[in-house]
Amino acid sequence: MVLDLLLIAVAITLDPLPIMAFVLVLSSYRGVWRGLAFILAWLACLVAVIALVLLFTGGQPPPPRSPPSTAALAAKLAIGVGLVLYGAHRRRVHRAPQAATEAKGRAKHASDPHGGTGRMSPWSAAALAVFLQPWGLVAAAATVVVRADLSHFASFAALFGFVLLATGSLLAAELYTVFAPEAAGVRLARLRSWLQEHQEPAIVVGCLVLGLWLTGNSIYQLTS
């Protein structure tokens, strides 16, 4: 369970789309407070999913080969296959000429050189966090949390570590902005530009690697 949660948390925290959106939130009016609203909503989604799964299982993992256990593994297998197919699709699409997209991106950047989002409200920032939550990866985590045994401290530590790591990139950007706002503004803008240029390869690699792992791990557990 721990390794599965670790890999999924890394995939969530390195997802380029939420990071780029969060950088925009931080660059908005009173961005630190908007960023805090974004993070709280992001955390609320993760905690809510974990709580619902634990409420369903009662904090005790279902016995091996039982219908709930098999259903969780089947769901994890389906998500893994879905991620592989999605990554392959994105890779195939990314091979097409990107000149029009790049020109559009340059025009947008020219019209908004600072990449700001104006006077975004905290509620809008929170809604954006919910919208951009990588729900496919969160669903994959839910299929793993089914195996959590709350009678052992290690399960609590694994769940806490998952939530913390899945939010790690956002927390790092928020704290950086709080303690070094001028330097953070410049470097986060550079990070956003870099992510815009490399988001497709990152998404493709992340989906393929995690999808293959979830698929192989699920097949092994279903057949062993």
Protein backbone atom coordinates (compact mmCIF):
# COMPACT_ATOMS: atom_id res chain seq x y z
CA MET A 1 0.00 0.00 0.00
CA VAL A 2 2.74 2.46 0.95
CA LEU A 3 4.60 2.24 -2.36
CA ASP A 4 1.38 2.60 -4.35
CA LEU A 5 0.35 5.69 -2.40
CA LEU A 6 3.85 7.16 -2.74
CA LEU A 7 3.85 6.82 -6.53
CA ILE A 8 0.35 8.22 -6.87
CA ALA A 9 1.17 11.16 -4.58
CA VAL A 10 4.27 11.97 -6.63
CA ALA A 11 2.20 11.90 -9.82
CA ILE A 12 -0.38 14.23 -8.26
CA THR A 13 2.10 16.75 -6.89
CA LEU A 14 4.02 16.90 -10.18
CA ASP A 15 0.94 17.28 -12.37
CA PRO A 16 1.82 20.40 -14.41
CA LEU A 17 -1.72 21.71 -14.91
CA PRO A 18 -2.54 22.40 -11.23
CA ILE A 19 0.92 23.85 -10.69
CA MET A 20 0.53 26.31 -13.59
CA ALA A 21 -2.91 27.32 -12.34
CA PHE A 22 -1.59 27.77 -8.81
CA VAL A 23 1.20 30.03 -10.05
CA LEU A 24 -1.46 32.18 -11.70
CA VAL A 25 -3.41 32.28 -8.45
CA LEU A 26 -0.32 33.39 -6.53
CA SER A 27 0.30 36.17 -9.06
CA SER A 28 -3.22 37.55 -8.62
CA TYR A 29 -4.30 40.32 -6.23
CA ARG A 30 -3.55 39.17 -2.65
CA GLY A 31 -2.31 35.95 -4.18
CA VAL A 32 -1.04 34.44 -0.93
CA TRP A 33 -4.55 34.35 0.54
CA ARG A 34 -6.00 33.07 -2.72
CA GLY A 35 -3.28 30.45 -2.78
CA LEU A 36 -4.21 29.40 0.75
CA ALA A 37 -7.85 28.98 -0.33
CA PHE A 38 -6.65 26.88 -3.28
CA ILE A 39 -4.57 24.64 -1.00
CA LEU A 40 -7.33 24.21 1.58
CA ALA A 41 -9.80 23.16 -1.11
CA TRP A 42 -7.20 20.81 -2.60
CA LEU A 43 -6.59 19.24 0.82
CA ALA A 44 -10.32 19.01 1.50
CA CYS A 45 -10.81 16.94 -1.65
CA LEU A 46 -8.04 14.51 -0.73
CA VAL A 47 -9.18 14.16 2.88
CA ALA A 48 -12.83 13.74 1.85
CA VAL A 49 -12.00 10.88 -0.53
CA ILE A 50 -9.88 9.12 2.09
CA ALA A 51 -12.56 9.61 4.75
CA LEU A 52 -15.27 8.18 2.50
CA VAL A 53 -13.19 5.09 1.74
CA LEU A 54 -12.37 4.52 5.42
CA LEU A 55 -16.01 5.03 6.32
CA PHE A 56 -16.90 2.34 3.79
CA THR A 57 -14.28 -0.14 5.05
CA GLY A 58 -14.57 0.78 8.73
CA GLY A 59 -10.81 1.19 8.87
CA GLN A 60 -10.28 -2.53 8.30
CA PRO A 61 -9.05 -3.90 4.96
CA PRO A 62 -11.39 -6.45 3.38
CA PRO A 63 -10.14 -10.05 3.42
CA PRO A 64 -8.16 -11.15 0.36
CA ARG A 65 -10.28 -12.62 -2.45
CA SER A 66 -13.42 -11.13 -0.92
CA PRO A 67 -15.79 -9.25 -3.28
CA PRO A 68 -14.80 -5.78 -1.93
CA SER A 69 -11.09 -6.60 -2.22
CA THR A 70 -11.48 -7.97 -5.73
CA ALA A 71 -13.63 -5.01 -6.76
CA ALA A 72 -10.98 -2.55 -5.49
CA LEU A 73 -8.25 -4.36 -7.43
CA ALA A 74 -10.42 -4.48 -10.55
CA ALA A 75 -11.03 -0.73 -10.24
CA LYS A 76 -7.31 -0.11 -9.83
CA LEU A 77 -6.62 -2.25 -12.89
CA ALA A 78 -9.19 -0.30 -14.91
CA ILE A 79 -7.67 3.02 -13.83
CA GLY A 80 -4.18 1.77 -14.69
CA VAL A 81 -5.26 0.67 -18.17
CA GLY A 82 -7.09 3.97 -18.60
CA LEU A 83 -3.96 5.95 -17.71
CA VAL A 84 -1.88 3.94 -20.19
CA LEU A 85 -4.41 4.51 -22.96
CA TYR A 86 -4.71 8.20 -22.10
CA GLY A 87 -0.92 8.61 -22.08
CA ALA A 88 -0.63 6.84 -25.43
CA HIS A 89 -3.39 9.06 -26.85
CA ARG A 90 -1.70 12.25 -25.60
CA ARG A 91 1.60 11.07 -27.05
CA ARG A 92 0.02 10.44 -30.45
CA VAL A 93 -1.74 13.80 -30.44
CA HIS A 94 1.41 15.61 -29.32
CA ARG A 95 3.23 14.42 -32.43
CA ALA A 96 0.95 16.58 -34.58
CA PRO A 97 2.25 20.05 -35.56
CA GLN A 98 2.01 22.47 -32.64
CA ALA A 99 2.65 25.72 -34.49
CA ALA A 100 -0.91 27.01 -34.15
CA THR A 101 -1.00 26.21 -30.45
CA GLU A 102 2.35 27.84 -29.81
CA ALA A 103 1.31 30.98 -31.72
CA LYS A 104 -1.89 31.17 -29.70
CA GLY A 105 0.09 30.78 -26.49
CA ARG A 106 2.48 33.57 -27.48
CA ALA A 107 -0.45 35.86 -28.28
CA LYS A 108 -2.03 35.14 -24.91
CA HIS A 109 1.26 35.78 -23.13
CA ALA A 110 1.67 39.06 -24.99
CA SER A 111 -1.79 40.20 -23.95
CA ASP A 112 -1.07 39.25 -20.32
CA PRO A 113 2.70 39.58 -19.83
CA HIS A 114 2.52 39.12 -16.08
CA GLY A 115 0.37 36.01 -16.24
CA GLY A 116 -1.90 37.41 -13.54
CA THR A 117 -5.54 36.56 -12.94
CA GLY A 118 -6.74 39.94 -11.68
CA ARG A 119 -8.85 40.14 -8.55
CA MET A 120 -9.70 36.45 -8.24
CA SER A 121 -11.84 35.76 -5.18
CA PRO A 122 -10.89 33.08 -2.62
CA TRP A 123 -14.01 31.14 -3.59
CA SER A 124 -12.92 31.16 -7.22
CA ALA A 125 -9.47 29.91 -6.23
CA ALA A 126 -11.03 27.13 -4.14
CA ALA A 127 -13.34 26.12 -7.00
CA LEU A 128 -10.36 26.06 -9.36
CA ALA A 129 -8.55 23.66 -7.03
CA VAL A 130 -11.53 21.30 -7.03
CA PHE A 131 -11.86 21.53 -10.81
CA LEU A 132 -8.16 20.87 -11.45
CA GLN A 133 -7.83 18.05 -8.93
CA PRO A 134 -6.49 15.05 -10.92
CA TRP A 135 -9.53 12.94 -10.09
CA GLY A 136 -8.30 9.93 -12.00
CA LEU A 137 -5.22 9.74 -9.80
CA VAL A 138 -7.27 10.44 -6.68
CA ALA A 139 -9.57 7.57 -7.65
CA ALA A 140 -6.52 5.35 -8.02
CA ALA A 141 -5.45 6.36 -4.51
CA ALA A 142 -8.92 5.49 -3.23
CA THR A 143 -8.55 1.92 -4.52
CA VAL A 144 -5.33 1.65 -2.53
CA VAL A 145 -6.72 3.24 0.66
CA VAL A 146 -9.21 0.36 0.78
CA ARG A 147 -6.32 -1.72 2.14
CA ALA A 148 -5.57 0.71 4.98
CA ASP A 149 -5.71 -0.85 8.45
CA LEU A 150 -6.30 1.86 11.04
CA SER A 151 -5.35 -0.49 13.85
CA HIS A 152 -1.73 0.08 12.85
CA PHE A 153 0.07 3.41 13.15
CA ALA A 154 1.87 2.75 9.86
CA SER A 155 -1.43 3.17 8.00
CA PHE A 156 -2.02 6.57 9.60
CA ALA A 157 1.53 7.60 8.68
CA ALA A 158 1.08 6.39 5.09
CA LEU A 159 -2.20 8.29 4.66
CA PHE A 160 -0.79 11.46 6.21
CA GLY A 161 2.33 11.18 4.05
CA PHE A 162 0.20 10.72 0.94
CA VAL A 163 -1.83 13.87 1.61
CA LEU A 164 1.28 15.88 2.45
CA LEU A 165 3.26 14.72 -0.57
CA ALA A 166 0.32 15.15 -2.96
CA THR A 167 0.14 18.79 -1.82
CA GLY A 168 3.90 19.29 -1.56
CA SER A 169 4.49 21.35 -4.71
CA LEU A 170 1.64 23.73 -3.83
CA LEU A 171 2.82 24.14 -0.25
CA ALA A 172 6.38 24.81 -1.41
CA ALA A 173 5.24 27.52 -3.84
CA GLU A 174 2.98 29.09 -1.20
CA LEU A 175 5.70 29.21 1.46
CA TYR A 176 8.24 30.51 -1.04
CA THR A 177 5.87 33.33 -1.95
CA VAL A 178 5.28 34.17 1.71
CA PHE A 179 8.94 34.36 2.71
CA ALA A 180 10.50 35.63 -0.53
CA PRO A 181 7.74 37.27 -2.57
CA GLU A 182 9.94 39.14 -5.08
CA ALA A 183 12.21 36.21 -5.87
CA ALA A 184 9.23 33.84 -5.90
CA GLY A 185 7.39 35.99 -8.44
CA VAL A 186 10.26 35.82 -10.90
CA ARG A 187 11.10 32.14 -10.43
CA LEU A 188 7.52 30.92 -10.38
CA ALA A 189 6.89 32.80 -13.63
CA ARG A 190 9.88 30.99 -15.14
CA LEU A 191 8.56 27.70 -13.79
CA ARG A 192 5.20 28.37 -15.38
CA SER A 193 6.83 29.07 -18.75
CA TRP A 194 8.94 25.92 -18.48
CA LEU A 195 5.92 23.81 -17.60
CA GLN A 196 3.98 25.23 -20.53
CA GLU A 197 6.74 24.04 -22.86
CA HIS A 198 7.13 20.61 -21.24
CA GLN A 199 3.68 19.78 -19.92
CA GLU A 200 2.81 17.31 -22.67
CA PRO A 201 5.90 15.08 -22.19
CA ALA A 202 5.40 15.25 -18.42
CA ILE A 203 1.75 14.20 -18.67
CA VAL A 204 2.53 11.41 -21.13
CA VAL A 205 5.41 9.97 -19.10
CA GLY A 206 3.50 10.28 -15.84
CA CYS A 207 0.42 8.54 -17.20
CA LEU A 208 2.38 5.74 -18.85
CA VAL A 209 4.67 5.03 -15.88
CA LEU A 210 1.94 5.13 -13.24
CA GLY A 211 -0.57 3.35 -15.48
CA LEU A 212 1.83 0.49 -16.20
CA TRP A 213 2.67 0.17 -12.51
CA LEU A 214 -0.99 0.09 -11.42
CA THR A 215 -1.86 -2.35 -14.19
CA GLY A 216 0.99 -4.75 -13.46
CA ASN A 217 0.53 -4.53 -9.69
CA SER A 218 -3.22 -5.16 -9.97
CA ILE A 219 -2.79 -8.17 -12.27
CA TYR A 220 -0.20 -9.62 -9.90
CA GLN A 221 -2.47 -9.25 -6.87
CA LEU A 222 -5.50 -10.61 -8.72
CA THR A 223 -3.65 -13.72 -9.91
CA SER A 224 -1.44 -14.46 -6.91
